[in-house]
Structures are given as structure tokens and as C-alpha cells.
Protein backbone atom coordinates (compact mmCIF):
# COMPACT_ATOMS: atom_id res chain seq x y z
CA MET A 1 -15.79 -43.27 5.61
CA ALA A 2 -14.92 -42.95 9.47
CA HIS A 3 -11.49 -43.85 10.69
CA LEU A 4 -11.80 -46.28 13.92
CA PRO A 5 -8.51 -47.20 15.64
CA ASP A 6 -7.17 -50.73 14.41
CA ARG A 7 -5.05 -53.55 15.40
CA ALA A 8 -3.34 -53.29 11.80
CA GLU A 9 -2.39 -50.48 12.19
CA ILE A 10 0.32 -50.20 15.17
CA GLU A 11 2.61 -52.17 12.88
CA GLY A 12 3.24 -49.14 10.43
CA VAL A 13 2.79 -46.66 13.12
CA LEU A 14 6.38 -48.14 15.11
CA ARG A 15 8.19 -48.29 12.63
CA PHE A 16 7.52 -44.81 10.79
CA VAL A 17 7.43 -43.78 14.10
CA SER A 18 11.11 -45.43 15.00
CA GLU A 19 12.43 -43.86 11.91
CA GLU A 20 11.49 -40.37 12.32
CA ALA A 21 12.67 -40.12 15.62
CA ALA A 22 16.14 -42.01 14.70
CA ALA A 23 16.64 -39.38 11.83
CA TYR A 24 15.99 -36.58 13.70
CA LEU A 25 18.48 -37.96 16.85
CA ALA A 26 20.90 -38.78 14.97
CA GLY A 27 21.14 -35.39 13.98
CA LEU A 28 20.34 -33.08 16.96
CA ASP A 29 24.17 -32.39 17.82
CA ASP A 30 24.03 -30.28 14.68
CA ARG A 31 20.44 -29.58 14.95
CA PRO A 32 19.76 -25.20 16.02
CA VAL A 33 17.51 -25.13 18.96
CA ARG A 34 14.59 -23.35 16.88
CA THR A 35 14.13 -23.13 12.96
CA PRO A 36 13.27 -19.63 11.01
CA ARG A 37 9.97 -21.19 10.82
CA ALA A 38 8.89 -22.30 13.99
CA ALA A 39 6.35 -19.53 14.96
CA GLN A 40 4.54 -20.05 11.89
CA ALA A 41 4.97 -23.82 11.04
CA ALA A 42 3.36 -24.34 15.05
CA ARG A 43 0.82 -21.23 14.25
CA ALA A 44 0.15 -23.30 11.04
CA PHE A 45 -2.02 -25.93 13.42
CA ARG A 46 -4.64 -23.92 14.13
CA THR A 47 -7.62 -25.17 11.86
CA HIS A 48 -11.55 -26.27 13.32
CA LEU A 49 -11.83 -30.14 14.27
CA PRO A 50 -12.03 -32.12 11.31
CA GLU A 51 -15.53 -34.26 10.99
CA GLU A 52 -13.09 -37.00 9.62
CA GLY A 53 -10.18 -38.13 10.48
CA VAL A 54 -7.48 -39.60 7.86
CA GLY A 55 -6.25 -42.49 9.83
CA ALA A 56 -2.77 -43.21 12.46
CA LEU A 57 -0.72 -43.06 9.62
CA ALA A 58 -1.43 -40.65 7.68
CA ALA A 59 -2.05 -38.29 10.79
CA LEU A 60 1.57 -39.32 12.22
CA ARG A 61 2.94 -38.27 8.60
CA GLU A 62 1.78 -34.66 8.69
CA LEU A 63 2.36 -33.98 12.24
CA VAL A 64 6.12 -35.09 10.89
CA GLU A 65 6.35 -33.56 8.00
CA ARG A 66 4.43 -30.12 9.09
CA GLY A 67 5.72 -30.47 12.77
CA MET A 68 9.22 -30.98 12.59
CA ASP A 69 9.85 -26.92 12.01
CA ALA A 70 7.81 -26.05 14.90
CA THR A 71 9.79 -28.29 17.62
CA LEU A 72 12.65 -26.32 19.79
CA ALA A 73 15.07 -28.99 19.92
CA SER A 74 15.56 -28.33 23.85
CA SER A 75 17.12 -32.10 24.86
CA GLY A 76 20.25 -31.51 22.34
CA PRO A 77 22.92 -29.87 23.18
CA ARG A 78 23.14 -25.94 22.46
CA CYS A 79 19.83 -25.90 24.57
CA PHE A 80 20.94 -24.48 27.75
CA HIS A 81 17.84 -22.29 28.53
CA PHE A 82 16.26 -22.70 31.91
CA VAL A 83 17.92 -25.89 33.25
CA ILE A 84 17.11 -29.10 30.89
CA GLY A 85 18.59 -31.74 30.71
CA GLY A 86 18.25 -34.31 26.92
CA ALA A 87 16.58 -37.86 26.83
CA THR A 88 19.67 -40.94 27.13
CA PRO A 89 19.33 -43.52 25.30
CA ALA A 90 18.50 -45.90 28.35
CA SER A 91 15.70 -43.44 29.27
CA ILE A 92 14.35 -42.62 25.57
CA GLY A 93 13.69 -46.62 25.39
CA ALA A 94 11.68 -46.89 28.64
CA ASP A 95 9.94 -44.06 27.99
CA TRP A 96 8.65 -45.67 24.74
CA LEU A 97 8.17 -48.79 26.32
CA THR A 98 6.23 -46.94 29.19
CA THR A 99 4.00 -45.67 26.53
CA ALA A 100 3.49 -49.00 24.76
CA LEU A 101 2.19 -50.67 28.45
CA ASP A 102 0.24 -47.74 29.55
CA PRO A 103 0.91 -48.69 33.50
CA PRO A 104 -1.16 -46.33 35.61
CA ALA A 105 1.15 -46.39 38.66
CA TYR A 106 -1.62 -44.93 41.01
CA ALA A 107 -1.58 -48.69 43.72
CA TRP A 108 0.25 -52.01 43.31
CA VAL A 109 -3.07 -53.70 41.52
CA SER A 110 -3.18 -51.40 38.66
CA ALA A 111 0.49 -51.38 37.89
CA PRO A 112 2.78 -54.38 40.13
CA LEU A 113 6.21 -53.60 37.81
CA ALA A 114 5.27 -49.96 38.18
CA VAL A 115 4.72 -49.18 41.75
CA GLU A 116 7.33 -51.86 42.72
CA LEU A 117 10.14 -49.95 40.77
CA GLU A 118 8.96 -46.64 41.86
CA ARG A 119 10.12 -47.92 45.45
CA VAL A 120 13.02 -49.27 44.12
CA VAL A 121 14.47 -46.30 42.58
CA MET A 122 13.33 -43.25 45.15
CA GLY A 123 15.83 -46.01 47.56
CA TRP A 124 18.23 -45.86 44.56
CA LEU A 125 18.49 -41.98 45.09
CA ALA A 126 18.17 -41.71 48.40
CA GLU A 127 21.77 -43.82 48.25
CA LEU A 128 23.00 -41.91 45.01
CA PHE A 129 23.21 -38.63 47.19
CA GLU A 130 23.82 -40.21 50.98
CA LEU A 131 20.65 -39.12 52.31
CA PRO A 132 18.65 -41.45 55.05
CA HIS A 133 17.84 -44.31 53.02
CA HIS A 134 14.09 -44.85 55.79
CA ALA A 135 13.33 -41.48 53.47
CA GLY A 136 10.58 -42.21 51.16
CA GLY A 137 8.75 -40.29 48.70
CA LEU A 138 6.52 -39.97 45.26
CA ILE A 139 7.90 -39.80 41.92
CA VAL A 140 5.87 -36.19 40.91
CA THR A 141 5.43 -34.41 37.58
CA GLY A 142 8.88 -32.48 38.19
CA ALA A 143 10.63 -29.25 40.99
CA THR A 144 6.97 -27.64 41.31
CA MET A 145 4.80 -30.11 42.16
CA ALA A 146 8.06 -32.18 44.57
CA ASN A 147 7.45 -28.87 46.31
CA PHE A 148 4.23 -28.62 46.35
CA VAL A 149 4.33 -32.56 47.88
CA GLY A 150 7.22 -31.41 50.08
CA LEU A 151 5.70 -28.07 52.00
CA ALA A 152 2.79 -30.29 51.92
CA ALA A 153 4.15 -32.62 54.39
CA ALA A 154 5.56 -29.49 56.36
CA ARG A 155 2.39 -27.76 55.99
CA GLN A 156 0.99 -31.38 57.68
CA TRP A 157 3.26 -31.44 60.49
CA TRP A 158 3.18 -27.87 61.36
CA GLY A 159 -0.65 -27.74 61.72
CA GLU A 160 -0.07 -31.20 63.88
CA ARG A 161 2.31 -29.23 65.95
CA GLN A 162 -0.99 -26.75 66.33
CA GLY A 163 -3.05 -29.90 67.56
CA VAL A 164 -4.98 -30.08 64.37
CA ASP A 165 -5.21 -31.91 61.43
CA VAL A 166 -5.51 -29.12 58.33
CA SER A 167 -6.29 -32.04 55.70
CA THR A 168 -9.08 -32.19 57.62
CA ARG A 169 -9.83 -28.72 59.12
CA GLY A 170 -8.08 -26.54 57.01
CA LEU A 171 -5.74 -23.30 57.92
CA ALA A 172 -8.58 -21.29 58.88
CA GLY A 173 -8.16 -20.12 62.22
CA LEU A 174 -4.63 -21.04 62.70
CA PRO A 175 -1.68 -18.41 62.99
CA PRO A 176 0.18 -17.63 60.10
CA VAL A 177 2.93 -20.30 59.00
CA PRO A 178 5.87 -18.63 58.88
CA VAL A 179 8.36 -19.99 56.02
CA ILE A 180 11.64 -18.48 56.32
CA THR A 181 13.89 -18.33 53.49
CA SER A 182 16.76 -16.32 51.54
CA GLY A 183 16.92 -14.54 48.26
CA PHE A 184 17.59 -17.83 46.23
CA VAL A 185 13.78 -18.86 46.94
CA HIS A 186 12.70 -20.59 43.76
CA ALA A 187 9.29 -19.10 42.71
CA SER A 188 7.86 -22.43 42.48
CA THR A 189 8.16 -22.53 46.25
CA LYS A 190 6.05 -19.67 46.41
CA LYS A 191 3.77 -21.27 43.89
CA ALA A 192 3.74 -24.07 46.30
CA VAL A 193 3.04 -22.57 49.24
CA ALA A 194 -0.03 -20.44 47.46
CA MET A 195 -1.34 -23.49 46.40
CA LEU A 196 -1.20 -24.99 49.68
CA GLY A 197 -3.14 -21.87 51.48
CA ILE A 198 -0.59 -20.83 53.42
CA GLY A 199 0.16 -18.10 50.83
CA ARG A 200 2.94 -15.99 49.28
CA ASP A 201 3.26 -12.95 51.44
CA ALA A 202 3.96 -16.40 54.43
CA VAL A 203 7.20 -16.60 52.42
CA ARG A 204 10.15 -13.61 54.51
CA ARG A 205 13.42 -13.63 52.50
CA PHE A 206 16.49 -12.96 55.18
CA GLU A 207 18.76 -11.68 52.52
CA ARG A 208 22.32 -9.86 53.55
CA ASP A 209 22.99 -8.11 50.05
CA ASP A 210 21.47 -7.33 47.03
CA VAL A 211 22.35 -11.04 45.71
CA GLY A 212 19.94 -12.68 48.04
CA HIS A 213 22.34 -14.35 50.07
CA PHE A 214 20.82 -15.65 53.68
CA ASP A 215 21.01 -13.44 56.14
CA LEU A 216 21.86 -16.32 59.10
CA GLU A 217 21.59 -14.03 62.53
CA ALA A 218 17.62 -12.71 60.89
CA ALA A 219 16.81 -15.15 60.64
CA GLU A 220 17.65 -16.56 64.26
CA ARG A 221 16.31 -13.30 65.50
CA ALA A 222 13.22 -14.63 63.51
CA LEU A 223 12.59 -17.81 64.83
CA ILE A 224 13.05 -16.52 68.00
CA GLU A 225 10.57 -13.63 68.06
CA LEU A 226 8.05 -17.32 67.39
CA ARG A 227 8.48 -17.87 70.93
CA GLY A 228 8.58 -22.01 70.25
CA ALA A 229 5.67 -21.84 67.90
CA PRO A 230 6.89 -24.10 64.50
CA ALA A 231 7.84 -22.51 61.45
CA ILE A 232 9.41 -23.76 57.52
CA LEU A 233 13.04 -23.74 56.63
CA VAL A 234 13.58 -23.88 52.61
CA ALA A 235 17.05 -24.37 51.10
CA THR A 236 17.83 -23.60 48.11
CA ALA A 237 20.58 -26.18 46.81
CA GLY A 238 21.60 -24.39 43.28
CA GLU A 239 19.76 -20.72 42.93
CA VAL A 240 19.10 -20.79 39.19
CA ASN A 241 20.90 -17.45 38.56
CA ALA A 242 24.51 -18.42 38.99
CA GLY A 243 24.11 -21.75 40.79
CA GLU A 244 24.68 -20.45 44.21
CA PHE A 245 23.72 -22.30 46.97
CA ASP A 246 22.13 -21.25 50.54
CA PRO A 247 24.12 -22.77 53.83
CA ILE A 248 21.77 -25.61 54.14
CA ALA A 249 24.22 -27.39 57.11
CA PRO A 250 23.82 -23.76 59.49
CA MET A 251 20.19 -24.19 58.18
CA ALA A 252 19.63 -27.09 59.29
CA ASP A 253 21.42 -26.17 63.14
CA LEU A 254 18.55 -23.80 62.79
CA ALA A 255 15.77 -25.97 62.17
CA LYS A 256 17.17 -28.34 65.69
CA LYS A 257 17.47 -25.48 67.85
CA TYR A 258 14.57 -23.97 67.11
CA GLY A 259 12.00 -27.07 65.98
CA ALA A 260 11.27 -26.23 62.76
CA TRP A 261 10.93 -28.00 59.65
CA LEU A 262 14.20 -28.23 56.60
CA HIS A 263 13.02 -28.36 53.39
CA VAL A 264 15.67 -28.70 50.39
CA ASP A 265 14.40 -27.40 47.35
CA GLY A 266 17.30 -29.21 45.34
CA ALA A 267 16.11 -28.80 41.78
CA PHE A 268 19.30 -29.95 39.82
CA GLY A 269 21.88 -28.77 42.67
CA LEU A 270 21.32 -31.57 44.82
CA PHE A 271 23.42 -33.38 41.93
CA ALA A 272 25.96 -31.77 43.61
CA ARG A 273 26.73 -34.36 46.00
CA VAL A 274 27.49 -37.43 43.77
CA SER A 275 30.62 -35.83 43.16
CA PRO A 276 34.07 -35.57 45.66
CA ARG A 277 34.52 -32.27 44.36
CA SER A 278 31.18 -30.78 44.67
CA ALA A 279 29.39 -32.73 47.19
CA HIS A 280 30.25 -30.00 50.09
CA LEU A 281 27.87 -27.14 48.48
CA ALA A 282 24.80 -29.55 49.58
CA ALA A 283 26.39 -30.55 52.85
CA GLY A 284 23.18 -31.01 55.53
CA ALA A 285 20.88 -31.54 52.87
CA GLU A 286 20.77 -35.28 54.30
CA ARG A 287 19.28 -33.55 57.84
CA ALA A 288 16.34 -32.33 55.88
CA ASP A 289 12.80 -33.24 56.28
CA SER A 290 12.11 -32.86 52.62
CA ILE A 291 13.96 -32.68 49.76
CA THR A 292 12.85 -31.62 45.98
CA VAL A 293 15.19 -33.37 43.20
CA ASP A 294 14.27 -33.08 38.73
CA GLY A 295 14.57 -36.18 36.47
CA HIS A 296 14.72 -33.69 33.71
CA LYS A 297 17.30 -32.09 34.65
CA TRP A 298 21.02 -33.29 35.59
CA LEU A 299 19.80 -36.99 35.69
CA ASN A 300 18.55 -36.90 32.49
CA VAL A 301 15.77 -38.83 31.81
CA PRO A 302 12.86 -37.40 29.36
CA TYR A 303 9.97 -35.01 30.13
CA ASP A 304 8.60 -34.66 32.54
CA CYS A 305 9.93 -36.56 36.09
CA GLY A 306 10.56 -35.13 39.24
CA PHE A 307 11.39 -37.31 43.00
CA SER A 308 9.97 -35.74 46.10
CA LEU A 309 11.89 -36.99 49.47
CA VAL A 310 10.13 -36.72 52.85
CA ARG A 311 11.81 -37.88 55.73
CA ASP A 312 8.44 -39.48 57.64
CA VAL A 313 6.37 -40.84 54.92
CA SER A 314 3.73 -41.48 56.89
CA LEU A 315 2.67 -37.05 56.91
CA LEU A 316 2.15 -37.66 53.30
CA ALA A 317 -0.64 -40.77 54.04
CA ARG A 318 -1.53 -37.99 56.60
CA ALA A 319 -1.97 -35.20 54.25
CA PHE A 320 -3.10 -36.44 50.64
CA THR A 321 -5.34 -39.93 51.90
CA TYR A 322 -8.59 -40.36 50.89
CA ASP A 323 -10.84 -42.88 50.03
CA ALA A 324 -13.56 -44.33 48.26
CA ALA A 325 -15.72 -48.02 48.00
CA TYR A 326 -14.00 -48.39 44.74
CA LEU A 327 -10.61 -47.59 45.76
CA PRO A 328 -7.98 -50.38 47.01
CA ASP A 329 -6.93 -49.46 50.97
CA TYR A 330 -4.24 -47.11 51.39
CA THR A 331 -2.75 -48.86 54.48
CA ALA A 332 -2.61 -52.82 52.43
CA ASP A 333 0.68 -54.04 52.19
CA GLU A 334 0.56 -53.59 48.50
CA PRO A 335 1.76 -49.46 48.22
CA VAL A 336 -1.54 -47.31 46.77
CA LEU A 337 0.75 -44.70 46.32
CA GLY A 338 -2.00 -42.09 44.64
CA ALA A 339 -2.34 -42.53 48.22
CA ILE A 340 0.55 -40.41 49.45
CA GLY A 341 0.25 -37.34 46.92
CA PRO A 342 -1.72 -35.36 44.83
CA GLU A 343 -1.93 -37.13 41.46
CA SER A 344 -4.04 -40.62 41.06
CA SER A 345 -3.66 -40.37 37.18
CA ARG A 346 -0.05 -40.74 37.42
CA ARG A 347 2.18 -41.64 34.30
CA ALA A 348 4.61 -44.79 34.93
CA ARG A 349 7.48 -42.79 35.05
CA SER A 350 9.40 -44.85 37.69
CA LEU A 351 10.59 -47.41 34.20
CA THR A 352 12.53 -45.12 32.62
CA VAL A 353 14.45 -43.81 36.12
CA TRP A 354 14.70 -47.42 36.85
CA ALA A 355 16.47 -48.31 33.57
CA THR A 356 18.26 -44.46 33.63
CA LEU A 357 20.07 -45.37 37.12
CA ARG A 358 20.51 -49.76 35.56
CA ALA A 359 22.56 -48.72 32.55
CA TYR A 360 24.53 -46.26 34.10
CA GLY A 361 24.60 -46.44 37.80
CA LYS A 362 26.40 -44.85 40.08
CA HIS A 363 29.53 -43.82 38.87
CA GLY A 364 27.73 -43.15 35.32
CA VAL A 365 25.92 -40.40 37.05
CA ARG A 366 28.54 -39.04 38.87
CA THR A 367 31.08 -39.23 35.26
CA MET A 368 28.41 -36.87 33.41
CA VAL A 369 27.95 -34.19 36.24
CA GLU A 370 31.40 -34.12 36.25
CA LYS A 371 32.24 -33.66 32.85
CA HIS A 372 29.07 -31.05 32.82
CA LEU A 373 31.34 -29.04 35.98
CA GLU A 374 33.98 -29.18 33.33
CA LEU A 375 32.33 -28.00 30.76
CA THR A 376 30.85 -25.01 32.69
CA GLN A 377 34.49 -24.14 33.94
CA HIS A 378 35.35 -24.07 30.30
CA LEU A 379 32.77 -21.78 29.36
CA ALA A 380 33.71 -19.35 32.57
CA HIS A 381 37.14 -19.33 31.20
CA ARG A 382 35.86 -18.18 27.81
CA VAL A 383 33.81 -15.64 29.19
CA ARG A 384 36.40 -14.20 31.18
CA GLU A 385 39.37 -14.34 28.00
CA ALA A 386 36.46 -12.51 26.16
CA PRO A 387 37.28 -8.67 25.56
CA ASP A 388 33.98 -8.12 25.19
CA LEU A 389 31.92 -9.96 27.83
CA GLU A 390 31.68 -9.93 31.63
CA LEU A 391 31.58 -12.89 34.21
CA LEU A 392 28.89 -11.82 37.06
CA ALA A 393 29.04 -14.64 39.68
CA ASP A 394 31.43 -17.41 40.52
CA VAL A 395 30.89 -20.71 39.30
CA PRO A 396 30.53 -23.20 41.70
CA LEU A 397 27.99 -25.66 39.87
CA CYS A 398 26.73 -25.21 35.84
CA ILE A 399 25.68 -22.21 35.37
CA VAL A 400 27.69 -19.39 33.83
CA CYS A 401 26.08 -16.20 34.82
CA PHE A 402 27.95 -13.07 32.64
CA ARG A 403 26.25 -10.32 30.02
CA TYR A 404 27.43 -8.94 26.92
CA LYS A 405 29.57 -6.15 27.26
CA PRO A 406 31.67 -3.72 24.78
CA ALA A 407 33.73 -0.81 24.78
CA GLY A 408 32.50 2.41 24.40
CA VAL A 409 29.07 1.49 25.49
CA PRO A 410 27.78 3.10 28.92
CA GLU A 411 26.38 1.28 31.98
CA ALA A 412 23.46 2.72 31.69
CA GLU A 413 22.70 1.20 28.12
CA LEU A 414 23.65 -2.06 29.33
CA ASP A 415 20.95 -3.73 30.18
CA ASP A 416 18.80 -2.59 27.39
CA LEU A 417 21.83 -3.94 25.14
CA ASN A 418 21.80 -7.51 27.04
CA ALA A 419 18.01 -7.03 27.09
CA ARG A 420 18.12 -7.61 23.60
CA LEU A 421 21.10 -9.54 22.91
CA GLY A 422 18.76 -11.95 24.78
CA ALA A 423 15.94 -12.12 22.58
CA ALA A 424 18.23 -12.03 19.75
CA LEU A 425 19.65 -15.62 20.76
CA LEU A 426 16.70 -16.59 21.06
CA ALA A 427 15.29 -15.56 17.28
CA ASP A 428 18.59 -16.69 16.13
CA GLY A 429 18.07 -20.06 17.26
CA ARG A 430 21.50 -21.60 16.81
CA PHE A 431 21.76 -21.75 20.63
CA TYR A 432 19.04 -21.35 23.38
CA ALA A 433 19.95 -18.92 27.20
CA GLY A 434 17.73 -17.09 29.06
CA THR A 435 18.29 -13.57 30.29
CA THR A 436 18.19 -12.49 34.08
CA ARG A 437 18.42 -9.98 36.63
CA ARG A 438 21.80 -10.61 38.69
CA ALA A 439 22.85 -7.87 41.64
CA GLY A 440 20.66 -5.55 39.72
CA LYS A 441 21.91 -6.36 36.53
CA THR A 442 20.38 -7.63 33.14
CA ALA A 443 22.96 -11.53 31.95
CA LEU A 444 22.73 -14.88 30.29
CA ARG A 445 22.64 -17.45 32.17
CA PRO A 446 23.14 -20.90 30.66
CA ALA A 447 22.52 -24.14 32.20
CA ILE A 448 25.14 -26.82 31.29
CA VAL A 449 23.64 -30.72 31.99
CA ASN A 450 22.86 -32.04 29.02
CA TRP A 451 24.49 -35.02 28.01
CA ARG A 452 25.28 -34.22 24.83
CA THR A 453 26.69 -31.31 25.30
CA GLY A 454 30.77 -30.73 24.50
CA THR A 455 33.93 -27.98 24.13
CA GLU A 456 32.80 -26.97 20.57
CA HIS A 457 29.16 -26.38 20.95
CA LEU A 458 30.34 -24.02 24.42
CA ASP A 459 33.04 -22.31 22.02
CA GLU A 460 30.97 -22.28 19.35
CA PHE A 461 27.95 -20.59 21.77
CA VAL A 462 30.41 -17.51 22.78
CA GLU A 463 31.29 -16.84 19.07
CA VAL A 464 27.70 -16.50 18.53
CA VAL A 465 27.24 -14.44 21.49
CA ARG A 466 29.16 -12.09 20.32
CA GLU A 467 28.48 -11.80 16.95
CA LEU A 468 24.54 -11.18 18.23
CA GLY A 469 26.15 -8.37 21.06
CA ALA A 470 28.45 -6.76 18.26
CA ARG A 471 25.49 -6.72 16.07
CA THR A 472 22.87 -5.91 18.27
CA ALA A 473 24.76 -3.07 19.72
CA LYS A 474 25.98 -1.43 15.88
CA GLY A 475 21.31 -1.14 15.79
CA ARG A 476 21.24 0.16 19.10
């Protein structure tokens, strides 16, 4: 018997999924990030496509019964890997509603609510981050695409400064596009310039130390050598190893002095601007020509969600516009967002963002950020007081960069020990935190941005790291 979609399935499906999701969320605070059976459970799904289906409810039951062990609790309070937030109640509800409504947020004519809310929330975000209100932009999948959009506007601007519409003619025959940045530059920026045809080799990093801090004087000399030719400056607001910031305001001064474009990658660090405690870190971002920030990080909305804000939105229209006989006119009063960004098929992420900001407001976002600033300092204190842990960097925001350093282990062996500790931590699964390299040393870099995380989780995390570290050192 063939199983086809049936309206009669919907009620049972929604009831089942709601009950299972509620049970999962109720236990999320205490759930390990990864179960010992995760890999085996995930690989068990490697089967051939069945000839006959089993129906919606049976398929979903199988997905839950066999798949939950393979799911990482990345939205829970114990996951400090990468920089991952957790979905708030408001955002979960809105995301479910978005799936049920399934609006294609390409244009007003296809999704008036989604498109209007996108325009509203981009204005709200500009207000939240104290950015120019005339700036506009788009909701995209995350920081990589947000960097792509912002740098596409920069490329369009750069081409027009050369007298060329690069969206039409391309970059062939033009000089290289100078991209000037620090050692803090994120890999997604280099990925974006590669996709834009600018090329990874165009990115010049000016560093004054082995950590990657921006060398302003060397960068200015490079701008002088361009003899008035346009360039793109990329400032990082919150680098991934320790949460440090490029000197955005001085970089904005350079951009103004030499007629350069300033792009700020603020994937999580732009949230420093919402609190008086940390706003100084991202001072000058309001002067940027384009800005990147994520929603699924510190705003704690579900994956995937990022924002690209551009001072001159008309550049996006020139960079991304396209037309066809069946498409609405992108110059019409009713917006066509698919014509000013890379995606035509667009999920209506605006409902989730709107619900989050409407539910908790500016005060709620600020309170959440300040809570995480305090939690991060608590973790840094626990690291400092532990005899076998070593803090490797200052803690300006939400990342604590440290390593395991027990007595009696030679310096030459610490990198290998910490690399194996990082692998042991992920395999253990009680907590997640990634490893990195900071000033030539292998370290852990937990990031605290989940609304569920509390001091009890951080205290337990420190003990788990020390426990696994001792076990790893013993077997080295």
C-alpha cells in the first residue's frame, strides 16, 4: 500500500512532535551534549531508499526512537563549542509557526508578513546596536553569507570607483582588490572573498604580534602606497580565540582618510554594543559601511540566522539584481528582497527574530548579554584559581582561552596533551568546547552565549576538564 501525504496525518503528527519536543526540552539542562552511542546511532541510518513508505507518524516515531541518541544537545547549557546560542521559548514557537506557514520570503507578493517583518527587525537591530537608522540589509543564513553580502556591496562600490559595474562586466582586466585586515580575520571572510572572485590572496593581514593584533601604522603605509586607489578594510569585532576586538574606531579613521570601505565582522562581538559594560569594545562600528552579525549566536534564535547591514542599500540592488518575465519588478514599492541578496528561495527567518525581540525587548537582550559577561568572568576566575589550568588571554567578552598545565609536564609536551584533552572532552560528551591555537599554544576556547547556561554548569565544566586532563596526562 502506497503512503501519500494525507490531511488526516497532521493532527497526530503535531501532537507527537509537540510531546517529544517538550520532553526533550524539559531534560535539556541536564542532558550531556553527546551520548556514547551518538556515532553508532547516526550511522545506523545509512540504508537504501525504501520502495514503500511507512507513513508520516511511523517515520517520525522511527526518527525519534533511533535518532535522539545521535543528536547533539548543542542548544543546551553545556555546549561551549564554536559560538552557539540556544533557542529561546519565543523563538521556538515562532520557528514552528514559520514552518507551518511556510512563506517564501522572496518578495512582498509571495510573503507580505515575512517581508514586512524583515524590514521591521532590520530597523530594530539598527536601534539595538545603535547603528545609523538609514542603513538597511537582509536576514541571511549566518555570518558567512552576511560577510558575503557586505563584501559584495564593497566589491560593487570598489568597481564603481574604477568606473566599472563589476556585477555586469566582472573583475577581468581590473587591478587586484586590496583587502586590508588583521590576524583576527575570520575564515568566513576569506571564504567570502573567494566566492566573490576577489581571491583569498587579496587579503593582506597586518599584525604587530604573534596573536594577530592589527598593525595600524603598517596598514596606513599600505593605503598610502595605493595612491588613492580604493581598498576594503575588514575589522573584526570579537575574534574566535579569545573574543578580542580590532581597533574599529581608528580603522574607521583610516577608511575616512584614505577613502576606503570599512566592513565590520561582528558575528557575535557586535552584541558588546548592547551593554554599557562592553560597548567600548565595538566603538566605531556605527561608522562602518557594512556590518555582519549572527542571530543564532547571542540573540539565541534557532539556526540558521544572520544579518547583513549595509549603509548604502542601493549597492546591494546593483550587485544582486536580476529579472525575468515572471518575476515582480524589484523597483516596485512592495519589496523584492530576493533581488538585493544572494538567495531567491528564502526561509522567513524574520518571524523568529521579530518574536524574540518583541518578547524580550532591548532590556531583555541587554540583561542576557550582561549575564553572559558575568558568567564568562566566573569561568575565568575558576581557571585562574585552579593549580593545573592556565589562562592564556584576557577575557574581554564571552570566550575564555585557557589550557591544561599540570605540574611536571614539560612545556614541549603541553600542546600534544591539550590536543588530546580536547579530543577526550568531545568523546566524553558531558560538555563540548573546541581547541584552537593562540600565540603558538594549543588551548581550549569555551564560548558562553546560551541563555540556559548558569554558574553550576561552568563549575562542573571546570571539574570535568581537570578530570579528563589528569586522565589524559596519566596515559601520555
